[in-house]
Amino acid sequence: MIKVMAMAICLTVTLGAVPVFAGAVQLPETGQTLSYGTNDDGALHKGVAWSSPRFIDNNNGTVTDSLTGLIWLKNANCLGLQWTGALKEIGSLTNGQCGLTDGSTIGQWRLPNVKELESLLNPGRLNMAVWLNTQGFSGVQAGHYWSSTTYAPSTRDAWYVNMADGHVLWSHKTNEYYVWPVRSGQ
């Protein structure tokens, strides 16, 4: 690794190369539609536009986010666990549990990372849970949802997203919060 990095630095200096990226990340719009000041997010709408409809009910216990390609468990209130229990329980989620009729097998579902969970937020809404429950999901609670992302300064803690007001913070992994299983698109 060190030799490769040194070679890359040498090539950059020698050839005067400009860093090349495989592709730019396309961040989505936030969803805010009201403007509260000149050139704010509500006025500019920067980012990739949301598809319409954004969330598609697959009628099998899952909802697909057409913006991210992620597939979410439709019932966002099926499990509420401590962080370590959530990792194990979600990994064993299968067809026939939590309203699933999609043929899921062990190992397909997981706890979302903090960025995936944040992707569900709509800053243009007062209450994320109320809004998400009108978007094809059911049982979304106005409370804390665990992410799989550990809080680096204190590994006893992990990040969560509050589905009432959208705040993102960390908490001790022994707390019992909601969990919302996700899997990658097909």
Protein backbone atom coordinates (compact mmCIF):
# COMPACT_ATOMS: atom_id res chain seq x y z
CA MET A 1 0.00 0.00 0.00
CA ILE A 2 2.76 2.41 0.88
CA LYS A 3 4.66 1.61 -2.33
CA VAL A 4 1.53 2.14 -4.42
CA MET A 5 0.75 5.43 -2.70
CA ALA A 6 4.31 6.63 -3.13
CA MET A 7 4.15 5.70 -6.81
CA ALA A 8 0.89 7.63 -7.23
CA ILE A 9 2.39 10.68 -5.55
CA CYS A 10 5.49 10.39 -7.72
CA LEU A 11 3.38 10.13 -10.89
CA THR A 12 1.28 13.08 -9.86
CA VAL A 13 4.33 15.25 -9.22
CA THR A 14 6.24 14.03 -12.27
CA LEU A 15 3.40 14.20 -14.76
CA GLY A 16 1.56 17.10 -13.19
CA ALA A 17 -1.53 14.91 -13.25
CA VAL A 18 -4.89 16.16 -12.11
CA PRO A 19 -6.82 13.78 -9.86
CA VAL A 20 -9.35 11.79 -11.83
CA PHE A 21 -12.51 10.52 -10.21
CA ALA A 22 -14.37 7.46 -11.40
CA GLY A 23 -17.61 9.38 -11.14
CA ALA A 24 -19.09 12.23 -9.19
CA VAL A 25 -21.50 11.43 -6.40
CA GLN A 26 -24.95 12.63 -7.27
CA LEU A 27 -26.56 13.80 -4.03
CA PRO A 28 -30.34 14.06 -3.99
CA GLU A 29 -32.32 17.20 -3.33
CA THR A 30 -33.37 17.57 0.28
CA GLY A 31 -37.06 17.83 -0.45
CA GLN A 32 -37.36 21.35 1.01
CA THR A 33 -39.72 23.35 -1.18
CA LEU A 34 -40.30 26.51 0.88
CA SER A 35 -37.72 29.28 0.73
CA TYR A 36 -36.83 31.21 3.86
CA GLY A 37 -34.13 33.41 2.32
CA THR A 38 -32.51 34.34 -0.98
CA ASN A 39 -30.44 31.50 -2.40
CA ASP A 40 -31.34 29.03 0.35
CA ASP A 41 -32.06 25.36 -0.28
CA GLY A 42 -35.78 25.92 -0.74
CA ALA A 43 -35.09 28.40 -3.55
CA LEU A 44 -32.23 26.62 -5.31
CA HIS A 45 -33.28 22.93 -5.10
CA LYS A 46 -29.72 21.71 -5.69
CA GLY A 47 -29.12 18.00 -6.15
CA VAL A 48 -30.72 15.20 -8.10
CA ALA A 49 -34.48 15.66 -8.41
CA TRP A 50 -36.63 13.10 -6.66
CA SER A 51 -38.39 10.68 -8.93
CA SER A 52 -42.16 10.54 -8.77
CA PRO A 53 -43.26 8.45 -7.10
CA ARG A 54 -40.16 8.24 -4.97
CA PHE A 55 -41.28 5.23 -2.93
CA ILE A 56 -42.85 2.23 -4.62
CA ASP A 57 -44.90 -0.28 -2.61
CA ASN A 58 -43.92 -3.69 -4.00
CA ASN A 59 -47.02 -5.33 -2.43
CA ASN A 60 -44.84 -7.97 -0.78
CA GLY A 61 -43.93 -6.30 2.50
CA THR A 62 -41.23 -4.12 0.91
CA VAL A 63 -40.95 -0.59 -0.44
CA THR A 64 -38.35 0.43 -3.03
CA ASP A 65 -36.80 3.89 -2.90
CA SER A 66 -36.54 4.80 -6.59
CA LEU A 67 -34.00 7.51 -5.75
CA THR A 68 -31.46 5.32 -3.95
CA GLY A 69 -32.44 1.86 -5.20
CA LEU A 70 -32.64 0.59 -1.62
CA ILE A 71 -35.42 -1.80 -0.61
CA TRP A 72 -36.92 -1.13 2.82
CA LEU A 73 -39.14 -3.25 5.00
CA LYS A 74 -42.60 -1.72 4.63
CA ASN A 75 -43.43 -2.18 8.34
CA ALA A 76 -41.07 0.18 10.13
CA ASN A 77 -42.32 -0.97 13.53
CA CYS A 78 -41.75 -4.69 13.38
CA LEU A 79 -38.63 -4.77 15.54
CA GLY A 80 -37.36 -2.69 18.44
CA LEU A 81 -34.09 -3.82 19.88
CA GLN A 82 -30.78 -2.96 21.42
CA TRP A 83 -28.12 -2.32 18.79
CA THR A 84 -26.25 -5.65 18.97
CA GLY A 85 -29.51 -7.60 19.04
CA ALA A 86 -30.73 -5.67 16.02
CA LEU A 87 -27.69 -6.66 13.95
CA LYS A 88 -28.31 -10.35 14.65
CA GLU A 89 -32.11 -10.29 14.40
CA ILE A 90 -32.23 -8.43 11.11
CA GLY A 91 -29.67 -10.78 9.58
CA SER A 92 -32.08 -13.66 10.21
CA LEU A 93 -35.19 -11.88 8.85
CA THR A 94 -36.89 -14.03 6.19
CA ASN A 95 -40.02 -14.45 4.14
CA GLY A 96 -43.10 -14.80 6.37
CA GLN A 97 -41.81 -12.45 9.08
CA CYS A 98 -42.83 -8.79 9.53
CA GLY A 99 -45.29 -9.01 6.64
CA LEU A 100 -42.72 -10.22 4.10
CA THR A 101 -43.97 -12.27 1.15
CA ASP A 102 -41.00 -11.50 -1.09
CA GLY A 103 -39.08 -14.77 -0.80
CA SER A 104 -36.40 -13.21 1.45
CA THR A 105 -33.76 -15.56 2.81
CA ILE A 106 -31.40 -15.33 5.76
CA GLY A 107 -28.66 -12.76 5.25
CA GLN A 108 -30.43 -10.50 2.73
CA TRP A 109 -31.64 -7.91 5.25
CA ARG A 110 -29.41 -5.65 7.33
CA LEU A 111 -29.44 -2.62 9.59
CA PRO A 112 -28.94 0.50 7.41
CA ASN A 113 -25.88 2.69 7.84
CA VAL A 114 -26.49 6.24 9.04
CA LYS A 115 -26.35 7.74 5.52
CA GLU A 116 -28.91 5.24 4.21
CA LEU A 117 -31.25 5.98 7.11
CA GLU A 118 -30.78 9.74 6.64
CA SER A 119 -31.71 9.34 2.98
CA LEU A 120 -35.32 8.78 4.08
CA LEU A 121 -35.57 12.23 5.62
CA ASN A 122 -37.49 15.09 4.02
CA PRO A 123 -36.37 18.38 5.60
CA GLY A 124 -39.38 20.07 4.05
CA ARG A 125 -41.69 18.24 6.47
CA LEU A 126 -42.33 18.89 10.14
CA ASN A 127 -42.62 15.22 11.12
CA MET A 128 -40.74 12.56 9.17
CA ALA A 129 -42.83 9.69 10.55
CA VAL A 130 -46.13 11.24 9.53
CA TRP A 131 -44.79 11.98 6.04
CA LEU A 132 -43.21 8.52 5.56
CA ASN A 133 -46.46 6.83 6.58
CA THR A 134 -48.09 8.59 3.58
CA GLN A 135 -45.36 7.38 1.21
CA GLY A 136 -46.12 3.64 1.19
CA PHE A 137 -44.61 2.71 4.55
CA SER A 138 -46.53 1.62 7.63
CA GLY A 139 -45.81 1.84 11.31
CA VAL A 140 -43.12 4.53 11.06
CA GLN A 141 -42.70 5.84 14.60
CA ALA A 142 -41.80 9.38 15.66
CA GLY A 143 -38.80 8.05 17.55
CA HIS A 144 -35.20 6.88 17.29
CA TYR A 145 -34.11 4.34 14.65
CA TRP A 146 -30.74 2.62 14.96
CA SER A 147 -28.18 2.74 12.18
CA SER A 148 -25.40 0.16 11.86
CA THR A 149 -22.79 2.94 12.14
CA THR A 150 -20.77 3.04 15.35
CA TYR A 151 -19.91 6.44 16.84
CA ALA A 152 -16.10 6.52 16.50
CA PRO A 153 -15.25 8.63 19.61
CA SER A 154 -17.10 6.13 21.81
CA THR A 155 -17.53 2.65 20.34
CA ARG A 156 -20.13 1.87 23.01
CA ASP A 157 -22.40 4.23 21.05
CA ALA A 158 -23.98 4.15 17.59
CA TRP A 159 -25.69 6.72 15.38
CA TYR A 160 -29.47 6.91 15.19
CA VAL A 161 -31.98 8.99 13.23
CA ASN A 162 -35.02 10.47 14.92
CA MET A 163 -38.05 10.09 12.65
CA ALA A 164 -40.00 12.84 14.41
CA ASP A 165 -37.80 15.83 13.64
CA GLY A 166 -35.01 14.25 11.60
CA HIS A 167 -32.16 14.89 14.02
CA VAL A 168 -29.17 12.56 13.82
CA LEU A 169 -27.23 11.78 16.98
CA TRP A 170 -25.58 8.92 18.82
CA SER A 171 -26.63 6.90 21.83
CA HIS A 172 -25.47 3.98 23.94
CA LYS A 173 -25.92 0.68 22.11
CA THR A 174 -27.78 -0.86 25.05
CA ASN A 175 -30.78 1.45 24.53
CA GLU A 176 -33.78 -0.09 22.84
CA TYR A 177 -34.76 1.80 19.70
CA TYR A 178 -36.69 0.98 16.56
CA VAL A 179 -34.92 -0.77 13.73
CA TRP A 180 -35.80 -0.54 10.06
CA PRO A 181 -34.36 -3.31 7.92
CA VAL A 182 -33.02 -2.53 4.45
CA ARG A 183 -31.43 -4.47 1.63
CA SER A 184 -29.73 -3.56 -1.60
CA GLY A 185 -31.77 -3.32 -4.78
CA GLN A 186 -31.93 -6.21 -7.20
